[in-house]
């Protein structure tokens, strides 16, 4: 399994954490130096994202980091890649055999597939059993990018619309609505994030926004989505609208109880 961990190269504590976590399972991995947008000039930042973007510098940096991993991955002959961030911890459900089965699922089809290595309130239908007590579920949306497996088609599609950066890298519902990526989750958590009080983030610092600016942020985000939506074929627009309607219908049933 090709495993890449996005990490601030100057944060020794974070890197030691990753080495300890993967060391428990004798898993080999490589670091990808996180792109620290808080060290970029305002002029440089304006070239990386849409004009008048709603994104914070740290969100831009996070997106650029993941896209950088995608580009490197797409230059290889690998069929899939497991991507993690450096504030993770591995749960008791983690197993190398399970990871291999998820990799096989991601690589099995030509469709763009992305599987997060945890449970999600947006789970839909069970699509495949991968162990005695673990299954893969389809999903209508997802959040967080601290641990996931993605195939070439999905990485290519996400990269194609995130240049320049339009959304947070984990704006998964937009990828799904635009038919760029099929989303999947598990019914057990394999990889989670460390408690924020235990390990403060350096890559994602400064992402908070006050309530007064939230409506403007949402409007800009929706505008960025609608720009891409207008470019879809009629068939794709119908698919997009159906997926949005379906998500709205199931909102009342969202939860972590499978």
C-alpha atoms as a PDB file:
ATOM      1  CA  UNK A   1       0.000   0.000   0.000  1.00  0.00           C
ATOM      2  CA  UNK A   2       1.309   3.407  -0.975  1.00  0.00           C
ATOM      3  CA  UNK A   3       0.930   5.582   2.163  1.00  0.00           C
ATOM      4  CA  UNK A   4       1.642   9.319   2.267  1.00  0.00           C
ATOM      5  CA  UNK A   5       1.413  11.482   5.375  1.00  0.00           C
ATOM      6  CA  UNK A   6       1.006  15.233   4.936  1.00  0.00           C
ATOM      7  CA  UNK A   7       3.027  16.928   7.656  1.00  0.00           C
ATOM      8  CA  UNK A   8       4.587  20.228   8.657  1.00  0.00           C
ATOM      9  CA  UNK A   9       8.292  19.482   8.276  1.00  0.00           C
ATOM     10  CA  UNK A  10       9.086  21.785  11.195  1.00  0.00           C
ATOM     11  CA  UNK A  11       6.764  20.049  13.638  1.00  0.00           C
ATOM     12  CA  UNK A  12       8.888  17.293  15.164  1.00  0.00           C
ATOM     13  CA  UNK A  13       6.161  16.313  17.644  1.00  0.00           C
ATOM     14  CA  UNK A  14       3.681  15.603  14.860  1.00  0.00           C
ATOM     15  CA  UNK A  15       6.196  13.575  12.880  1.00  0.00           C
ATOM     16  CA  UNK A  16       7.154  11.544  15.904  1.00  0.00           C
ATOM     17  CA  UNK A  17       3.462  10.842  16.503  1.00  0.00           C
ATOM     18  CA  UNK A  18       3.043   9.453  12.984  1.00  0.00           C
ATOM     19  CA  UNK A  19       6.163   7.302  13.265  1.00  0.00           C
ATOM     20  CA  UNK A  20       4.882   5.869  16.535  1.00  0.00           C
ATOM     21  CA  UNK A  21       1.397   5.155  15.197  1.00  0.00           C
ATOM     22  CA  UNK A  22       2.482   3.419  11.995  1.00  0.00           C
ATOM     23  CA  UNK A  23       5.385   1.774  13.785  1.00  0.00           C
ATOM     24  CA  UNK A  24       2.914  -0.289  15.806  1.00  0.00           C
ATOM     25  CA  UNK A  25       1.957  -2.059  12.575  1.00  0.00           C
ATOM     26  CA  UNK A  26       5.341  -2.014  10.814  1.00  0.00           C
ATOM     27  CA  UNK A  27       3.803   0.049   8.022  1.00  0.00           C
ATOM     28  CA  UNK A  28       6.071   1.941   5.662  1.00  0.00           C
ATOM     29  CA  UNK A  29       5.052   5.455   4.658  1.00  0.00           C
ATOM     30  CA  UNK A  30       6.491   8.672   3.273  1.00  0.00           C
ATOM     31  CA  UNK A  31       6.085  12.258   4.428  1.00  0.00           C
ATOM     32  CA  UNK A  32       4.821  14.984   2.115  1.00  0.00           C
ATOM     33  CA  UNK A  33       5.868  18.417   3.353  1.00  0.00           C
ATOM     34  CA  UNK A  34       2.685  20.375   3.998  1.00  0.00           C
ATOM     35  CA  UNK A  35       2.293  23.623   2.082  1.00  0.00           C
ATOM     36  CA  UNK A  36       2.172  26.280   4.775  1.00  0.00           C
ATOM     37  CA  UNK A  37       0.029  29.046   3.331  1.00  0.00           C
ATOM     38  CA  UNK A  38       0.522  31.159   6.459  1.00  0.00           C
ATOM     39  CA  UNK A  39       4.085  31.648   5.248  1.00  0.00           C
ATOM     40  CA  UNK A  40       3.002  32.846   1.798  1.00  0.00           C
ATOM     41  CA  UNK A  41       2.632  36.481   0.856  1.00  0.00           C
ATOM     42  CA  UNK A  42      -0.852  37.808   0.094  1.00  0.00           C
ATOM     43  CA  UNK A  43       0.217  38.225  -3.527  1.00  0.00           C
ATOM     44  CA  UNK A  44       1.211  34.576  -3.811  1.00  0.00           C
ATOM     45  CA  UNK A  45      -1.978  33.405  -2.119  1.00  0.00           C
ATOM     46  CA  UNK A  46      -4.136  35.257  -4.645  1.00  0.00           C
ATOM     47  CA  UNK A  47      -2.648  33.128  -7.422  1.00  0.00           C
ATOM     48  CA  UNK A  48      -3.559  29.867  -5.673  1.00  0.00           C
ATOM     49  CA  UNK A  49      -7.316  30.269  -5.208  1.00  0.00           C
ATOM     50  CA  UNK A  50     -10.315  31.784  -6.967  1.00  0.00           C
ATOM     51  CA  UNK A  51     -10.544  35.556  -6.895  1.00  0.00           C
ATOM     52  CA  UNK A  52     -12.467  36.858  -3.875  1.00  0.00           C
ATOM     53  CA  UNK A  53     -12.305  33.408  -2.297  1.00  0.00           C
ATOM     54  CA  UNK A  54     -14.121  32.484   0.922  1.00  0.00           C
ATOM     55  CA  UNK A  55     -11.219  30.237   1.939  1.00  0.00           C
ATOM     56  CA  UNK A  56      -8.819  31.046   4.757  1.00  0.00           C
ATOM     57  CA  UNK A  57      -5.053  30.816   4.113  1.00  0.00           C
ATOM     58  CA  UNK A  58      -4.836  27.572   6.097  1.00  0.00           C
ATOM     59  CA  UNK A  59      -7.676  26.021   4.072  1.00  0.00           C
ATOM     60  CA  UNK A  60      -5.876  26.991   0.878  1.00  0.00           C
ATOM     61  CA  UNK A  61      -2.661  25.475   2.190  1.00  0.00           C
ATOM     62  CA  UNK A  62      -4.421  22.274   3.210  1.00  0.00           C
ATOM     63  CA  UNK A  63      -6.024  21.949  -0.236  1.00  0.00           C
ATOM     64  CA  UNK A  64      -2.727  22.634  -1.987  1.00  0.00           C
ATOM     65  CA  UNK A  65      -1.035  19.979   0.129  1.00  0.00           C
ATOM     66  CA  UNK A  66      -3.533  17.267  -0.762  1.00  0.00           C
ATOM     67  CA  UNK A  67      -3.557  18.309  -4.416  1.00  0.00           C
ATOM     68  CA  UNK A  68       0.228  18.161  -4.375  1.00  0.00           C
ATOM     69  CA  UNK A  69       0.007  14.562  -3.174  1.00  0.00           C
ATOM     70  CA  UNK A  70      -2.538  13.783  -5.912  1.00  0.00           C
ATOM     71  CA  UNK A  71      -0.281  15.186  -8.607  1.00  0.00           C
ATOM     72  CA  UNK A  72       2.694  13.165  -7.394  1.00  0.00           C
ATOM     73  CA  UNK A  73       0.484  10.080  -7.195  1.00  0.00           C
ATOM     74  CA  UNK A  74      -0.828  10.596 -10.739  1.00  0.00           C
ATOM     75  CA  UNK A  75       2.742  10.776 -12.041  1.00  0.00           C
ATOM     76  CA  UNK A  76       3.318   7.252 -10.721  1.00  0.00           C
ATOM     77  CA  UNK A  77       1.884   3.953 -11.930  1.00  0.00           C
ATOM     78  CA  UNK A  78       0.100   3.331  -8.624  1.00  0.00           C
ATOM     79  CA  UNK A  79      -3.639   2.605  -8.812  1.00  0.00           C
ATOM     80  CA  UNK A  80      -4.507   3.976  -5.381  1.00  0.00           C
ATOM     81  CA  UNK A  81      -2.996   5.826  -2.456  1.00  0.00           C
ATOM     82  CA  UNK A  82      -3.677   6.091   1.261  1.00  0.00           C
ATOM     83  CA  UNK A  83      -3.365   9.667   2.522  1.00  0.00           C
ATOM     84  CA  UNK A  84      -3.179  10.717   6.168  1.00  0.00           C
ATOM     85  CA  UNK A  85      -2.501  13.879   8.101  1.00  0.00           C
ATOM     86  CA  UNK A  86      -0.056  14.009  10.973  1.00  0.00           C
ATOM     87  CA  UNK A  87      -2.481  14.460  13.884  1.00  0.00           C
ATOM     88  CA  UNK A  88      -3.847  10.919  13.702  1.00  0.00           C
ATOM     89  CA  UNK A  89      -4.171   7.992  16.007  1.00  0.00           C
ATOM     90  CA  UNK A  90      -4.902   4.442  14.902  1.00  0.00           C
ATOM     91  CA  UNK A  91      -7.751   2.611  16.633  1.00  0.00           C
ATOM     92  CA  UNK A  92      -8.006  -0.976  17.813  1.00  0.00           C
ATOM     93  CA  UNK A  93     -10.034  -1.831  14.681  1.00  0.00           C
ATOM     94  CA  UNK A  94      -7.116  -1.100  12.367  1.00  0.00           C
ATOM     95  CA  UNK A  95      -5.771  -4.139  10.553  1.00  0.00           C
ATOM     96  CA  UNK A  96      -3.403  -4.424   7.589  1.00  0.00           C
ATOM     97  CA  UNK A  97      -5.589  -7.067   5.969  1.00  0.00           C
ATOM     98  CA  UNK A  98      -8.617  -4.760   6.183  1.00  0.00           C
ATOM     99  CA  UNK A  99      -6.627  -1.917   4.617  1.00  0.00           C
ATOM    100  CA  UNK A 100      -5.654  -4.201   1.751  1.00  0.00           C
ATOM    101  CA  UNK A 101      -9.286  -5.134   1.157  1.00  0.00           C
ATOM    102  CA  UNK A 102     -10.272  -1.466   1.081  1.00  0.00           C
ATOM    103  CA  UNK A 103      -7.438  -0.845  -1.390  1.00  0.00           C
ATOM    104  CA  UNK A 104      -8.760  -3.667  -3.586  1.00  0.00           C
ATOM    105  CA  UNK A 105     -12.262  -2.166  -3.453  1.00  0.00           C
ATOM    106  CA  UNK A 106     -10.957   1.247  -4.481  1.00  0.00           C
ATOM    107  CA  UNK A 107      -8.939  -0.225  -7.352  1.00  0.00           C
ATOM    108  CA  UNK A 108     -11.574  -2.732  -8.500  1.00  0.00           C
ATOM    109  CA  UNK A 109     -13.652  -0.310 -10.551  1.00  0.00           C
ATOM    110  CA  UNK A 110     -12.868   2.397 -13.084  1.00  0.00           C
ATOM    111  CA  UNK A 111     -15.301   4.693 -11.283  1.00  0.00           C
ATOM    112  CA  UNK A 112     -13.714   7.451  -9.160  1.00  0.00           C
ATOM    113  CA  UNK A 113     -13.720   6.117  -5.592  1.00  0.00           C
ATOM    114  CA  UNK A 114     -12.736   7.582  -2.234  1.00  0.00           C
ATOM    115  CA  UNK A 115     -13.084   5.749   1.084  1.00  0.00           C
ATOM    116  CA  UNK A 116     -12.605   7.512   4.419  1.00  0.00           C
ATOM    117  CA  UNK A 117     -11.196   5.229   7.096  1.00  0.00           C
ATOM    118  CA  UNK A 118     -13.869   5.981   9.654  1.00  0.00           C
ATOM    119  CA  UNK A 119     -17.605   6.029  10.271  1.00  0.00           C
ATOM    120  CA  UNK A 120     -19.787   8.820   8.900  1.00  0.00           C
ATOM    121  CA  UNK A 121     -23.232  10.180   9.665  1.00  0.00           C
ATOM    122  CA  UNK A 122     -23.732  10.312   5.895  1.00  0.00           C
ATOM    123  CA  UNK A 123     -23.561   6.541   5.391  1.00  0.00           C
ATOM    124  CA  UNK A 124     -26.126   5.145   2.972  1.00  0.00           C
ATOM    125  CA  UNK A 125     -26.116   1.536   1.750  1.00  0.00           C
ATOM    126  CA  UNK A 126     -23.773  -1.315   2.630  1.00  0.00           C
ATOM    127  CA  UNK A 127     -21.868  -2.211  -0.518  1.00  0.00           C
ATOM    128  CA  UNK A 128     -19.221  -4.703   0.588  1.00  0.00           C
ATOM    129  CA  UNK A 129     -18.200  -6.796   3.573  1.00  0.00           C
ATOM    130  CA  UNK A 130     -14.446  -6.627   4.224  1.00  0.00           C
ATOM    131  CA  UNK A 131     -14.111  -8.548   7.503  1.00  0.00           C
ATOM    132  CA  UNK A 132     -16.184 -10.427  10.030  1.00  0.00           C
ATOM    133  CA  UNK A 133     -17.423  -7.213  11.653  1.00  0.00           C
ATOM    134  CA  UNK A 134     -16.594  -4.442   9.169  1.00  0.00           C
ATOM    135  CA  UNK A 135     -18.297  -3.186   6.006  1.00  0.00           C
ATOM    136  CA  UNK A 136     -17.960  -0.495   3.370  1.00  0.00           C
ATOM    137  CA  UNK A 137     -20.938   1.823   2.941  1.00  0.00           C
ATOM    138  CA  UNK A 138     -21.781   4.299   0.203  1.00  0.00           C
ATOM    139  CA  UNK A 139     -22.104   7.897   1.425  1.00  0.00           C
ATOM    140  CA  UNK A 140     -23.821  11.113   0.330  1.00  0.00           C
ATOM    141  CA  UNK A 141     -21.243  13.419   1.892  1.00  0.00           C
ATOM    142  CA  UNK A 142     -18.103  13.221   4.006  1.00  0.00           C
ATOM    143  CA  UNK A 143     -15.884  15.469   6.084  1.00  0.00           C
ATOM    144  CA  UNK A 144     -12.239  15.428   7.131  1.00  0.00           C
ATOM    145  CA  UNK A 145      -9.158  14.171   5.328  1.00  0.00           C
ATOM    146  CA  UNK A 146      -7.085  12.761   8.168  1.00  0.00           C
ATOM    147  CA  UNK A 147      -7.244   9.239   6.738  1.00  0.00           C
ATOM    148  CA  UNK A 148      -8.603   8.029   3.378  1.00  0.00           C
ATOM    149  CA  UNK A 149      -7.842   5.904   0.316  1.00  0.00           C
ATOM    150  CA  UNK A 150      -8.420   7.288  -3.174  1.00  0.00           C
ATOM    151  CA  UNK A 151      -7.969   5.927  -6.696  1.00  0.00           C
ATOM    152  CA  UNK A 152      -6.534   7.577  -9.784  1.00  0.00           C
ATOM    153  CA  UNK A 153      -9.851   8.567 -11.346  1.00  0.00           C
ATOM    154  CA  UNK A 154     -11.020  10.393  -8.215  1.00  0.00           C
ATOM    155  CA  UNK A 155      -7.650  12.101  -7.690  1.00  0.00           C
ATOM    156  CA  UNK A 156      -7.651  13.262 -11.316  1.00  0.00           C
ATOM    157  CA  UNK A 157     -11.206  14.614 -11.140  1.00  0.00           C
ATOM    158  CA  UNK A 158     -10.687  16.508  -7.893  1.00  0.00           C
ATOM    159  CA  UNK A 159      -7.422  17.989  -9.150  1.00  0.00           C
ATOM    160  CA  UNK A 160      -9.152  19.149 -12.341  1.00  0.00           C
ATOM    161  CA  UNK A 161     -11.547  21.458 -10.488  1.00  0.00           C
ATOM    162  CA  UNK A 162      -9.207  22.533  -7.688  1.00  0.00           C
ATOM    163  CA  UNK A 163      -6.808  24.466  -9.901  1.00  0.00           C
ATOM    164  CA  UNK A 164      -7.078  27.171  -8.764  1.00  0.00           C
ATOM    165  CA  UNK A 165      -8.438  26.097  -5.386  1.00  0.00           C
ATOM    166  CA  UNK A 166     -12.233  26.566  -5.248  1.00  0.00           C
ATOM    167  CA  UNK A 167     -13.248  24.718  -2.106  1.00  0.00           C
ATOM    168  CA  UNK A 168     -11.868  23.173   1.053  1.00  0.00           C
ATOM    169  CA  UNK A 169     -10.245  19.885   0.094  1.00  0.00           C
ATOM    170  CA  UNK A 170     -12.938  17.999   2.030  1.00  0.00           C
ATOM    171  CA  UNK A 171     -15.872  19.625   0.204  1.00  0.00           C
ATOM    172  CA  UNK A 172     -16.893  16.080  -0.654  1.00  0.00           C
ATOM    173  CA  UNK A 173     -20.565  16.798  -1.276  1.00  0.00           C
ATOM    174  CA  UNK A 174     -19.626  19.034  -4.193  1.00  0.00           C
ATOM    175  CA  UNK A 175     -17.426  16.319  -5.704  1.00  0.00           C
ATOM    176  CA  UNK A 176     -20.348  13.907  -5.317  1.00  0.00           C
ATOM    177  CA  UNK A 177     -22.964  16.257  -6.743  1.00  0.00           C
ATOM    178  CA  UNK A 178     -20.739  17.045  -9.728  1.00  0.00           C
ATOM    179  CA  UNK A 179     -20.261  13.300 -10.333  1.00  0.00           C
ATOM    180  CA  UNK A 180     -16.507  13.635  -9.843  1.00  0.00           C
ATOM    181  CA  UNK A 181     -16.202  11.093  -7.070  1.00  0.00           C
ATOM    182  CA  UNK A 182     -18.162   8.253  -5.485  1.00  0.00           C
ATOM    183  CA  UNK A 183     -17.955   8.442  -1.696  1.00  0.00           C
ATOM    184  CA  UNK A 184     -17.622   5.579   0.780  1.00  0.00           C
ATOM    185  CA  UNK A 185     -17.139   5.168   4.515  1.00  0.00           C
ATOM    186  CA  UNK A 186     -16.871   2.332   7.049  1.00  0.00           C
ATOM    187  CA  UNK A 187     -18.937   1.161   9.995  1.00  0.00           C
ATOM    188  CA  UNK A 188     -15.854   1.177  12.244  1.00  0.00           C
ATOM    189  CA  UNK A 189     -13.284   3.907  12.879  1.00  0.00           C
ATOM    190  CA  UNK A 190      -9.791   2.873  11.770  1.00  0.00           C
ATOM    191  CA  UNK A 191      -8.024   6.237  11.883  1.00  0.00           C
ATOM    192  CA  UNK A 192      -9.125   9.282  13.888  1.00  0.00           C
ATOM    193  CA  UNK A 193      -7.684  12.662  14.812  1.00  0.00           C
ATOM    194  CA  UNK A 194      -5.853  13.295  18.049  1.00  0.00           C
ATOM    195  CA  UNK A 195      -7.713  15.325  20.666  1.00  0.00           C
ATOM    196  CA  UNK A 196      -7.179  18.983  19.747  1.00  0.00           C
ATOM    197  CA  UNK A 197      -6.293  19.769  23.359  1.00  0.00           C
ATOM    198  CA  UNK A 198      -3.556  17.135  23.265  1.00  0.00           C
ATOM    199  CA  UNK A 199      -2.026  18.098  19.955  1.00  0.00           C
ATOM    200  CA  UNK A 200      -2.593  21.607  18.578  1.00  0.00           C
ATOM    201  CA  UNK A 201      -2.620  21.913  14.798  1.00  0.00           C
ATOM    202  CA  UNK A 202      -0.080  23.941  12.859  1.00  0.00           C
ATOM    203  CA  UNK A 203      -1.274  23.111   9.351  1.00  0.00           C
ATOM    204  CA  UNK A 204      -4.893  24.020  10.094  1.00  0.00           C
ATOM    205  CA  UNK A 205      -4.404  26.948  12.448  1.00  0.00           C
ATOM    206  CA  UNK A 206      -6.402  30.083  11.804  1.00  0.00           C
ATOM    207  CA  UNK A 207      -9.384  28.431  10.139  1.00  0.00           C
ATOM    208  CA  UNK A 208     -12.050  29.803  12.432  1.00  0.00           C
ATOM    209  CA  UNK A 209     -14.550  32.329  11.183  1.00  0.00           C
ATOM    210  CA  UNK A 210     -17.028  34.505  13.073  1.00  0.00           C
ATOM    211  CA  UNK A 211     -20.759  34.059  12.635  1.00  0.00           C
ATOM    212  CA  UNK A 212     -21.175  37.446  10.972  1.00  0.00           C
ATOM    213  CA  UNK A 213     -19.094  36.320   8.007  1.00  0.00           C
ATOM    214  CA  UNK A 214     -20.543  32.816   7.734  1.00  0.00           C
ATOM    215  CA  UNK A 215     -23.435  33.765   5.456  1.00  0.00           C
ATOM    216  CA  UNK A 216     -21.088  35.569   3.086  1.00  0.00           C
ATOM    217  CA  UNK A 217     -18.773  32.565   3.132  1.00  0.00           C
ATOM    218  CA  UNK A 218     -21.664  30.230   2.283  1.00  0.00           C
ATOM    219  CA  UNK A 219     -22.788  32.490  -0.567  1.00  0.00           C
ATOM    220  CA  UNK A 220     -19.306  32.521  -2.093  1.00  0.00           C
ATOM    221  CA  UNK A 221     -18.986  28.761  -1.720  1.00  0.00           C
ATOM    222  CA  UNK A 222     -22.335  28.180  -3.429  1.00  0.00           C
ATOM    223  CA  UNK A 223     -21.338  30.566  -6.205  1.00  0.00           C
ATOM    224  CA  UNK A 224     -18.154  28.576  -6.837  1.00  0.00           C
ATOM    225  CA  UNK A 225     -20.233  25.392  -7.021  1.00  0.00           C
ATOM    226  CA  UNK A 226     -22.854  26.893  -9.341  1.00  0.00           C
ATOM    227  CA  UNK A 227     -20.137  28.010 -11.756  1.00  0.00           C
ATOM    228  CA  UNK A 228     -19.144  24.359 -12.198  1.00  0.00           C
ATOM    229  CA  UNK A 229     -22.753  23.161 -12.214  1.00  0.00           C
ATOM    230  CA  UNK A 230     -23.596  25.397 -15.165  1.00  0.00           C
ATOM    231  CA  UNK A 231     -20.908  23.634 -17.199  1.00  0.00           C
ATOM    232  CA  UNK A 232     -22.525  20.202 -16.761  1.00  0.00           C
ATOM    233  CA  UNK A 233     -24.486  18.401 -19.428  1.00  0.00           C
ATOM    234  CA  UNK A 234     -28.263  18.153 -18.986  1.00  0.00           C
ATOM    235  CA  UNK A 235     -27.934  14.535 -17.837  1.00  0.00           C
ATOM    236  CA  UNK A 236     -25.282  15.459 -15.283  1.00  0.00           C
ATOM    237  CA  UNK A 237     -27.401  18.342 -13.994  1.00  0.00           C
ATOM    238  CA  UNK A 238     -30.300  15.966 -13.416  1.00  0.00           C
ATOM    239  CA  UNK A 239     -28.002  13.569 -11.529  1.00  0.00           C
ATOM    240  CA  UNK A 240     -26.682  16.456  -9.449  1.00  0.00           C
ATOM    241  CA  UNK A 241     -30.150  17.710  -8.537  1.00  0.00           C
ATOM    242  CA  UNK A 242     -31.306  14.205  -7.636  1.00  0.00           C
ATOM    243  CA  UNK A 243     -28.323  13.696  -5.320  1.00  0.00           C
ATOM    244  CA  UNK A 244     -28.947  17.027  -3.600  1.00  0.00           C
ATOM    245  CA  UNK A 245     -32.641  16.168  -3.176  1.00  0.00           C
ATOM    246  CA  UNK A 246     -31.821  12.702  -1.828  1.00  0.00           C
ATOM    247  CA  UNK A 247     -29.361  14.128   0.710  1.00  0.00           C
ATOM    248  CA  UNK A 248     -31.986  16.623   1.911  1.00  0.00           C
ATOM    249  CA  UNK A 249     -34.588  13.865   2.285  1.00  0.00           C
ATOM    250  CA  UNK A 250     -32.309  11.726   4.447  1.00  0.00           C
ATOM    251  CA  UNK A 251     -31.002  14.570   6.617  1.00  0.00           C
ATOM    252  CA  UNK A 252     -33.331  13.686   9.502  1.00  0.00           C
ATOM    253  CA  UNK A 253     -31.932  10.147   9.591  1.00  0.00           C
ATOM    254  CA  UNK A 254     -28.244  11.107   9.774  1.00  0.00           C
ATOM    255  CA  UNK A 255     -26.293   9.629  12.658  1.00  0.00           C
ATOM    256  CA  UNK A 256     -23.513   7.272  13.632  1.00  0.00           C
ATOM    257  CA  UNK A 257     -25.836   4.401  14.498  1.00  0.00           C
ATOM    258  CA  UNK A 258     -25.704   1.978  11.572  1.00  0.00           C
END
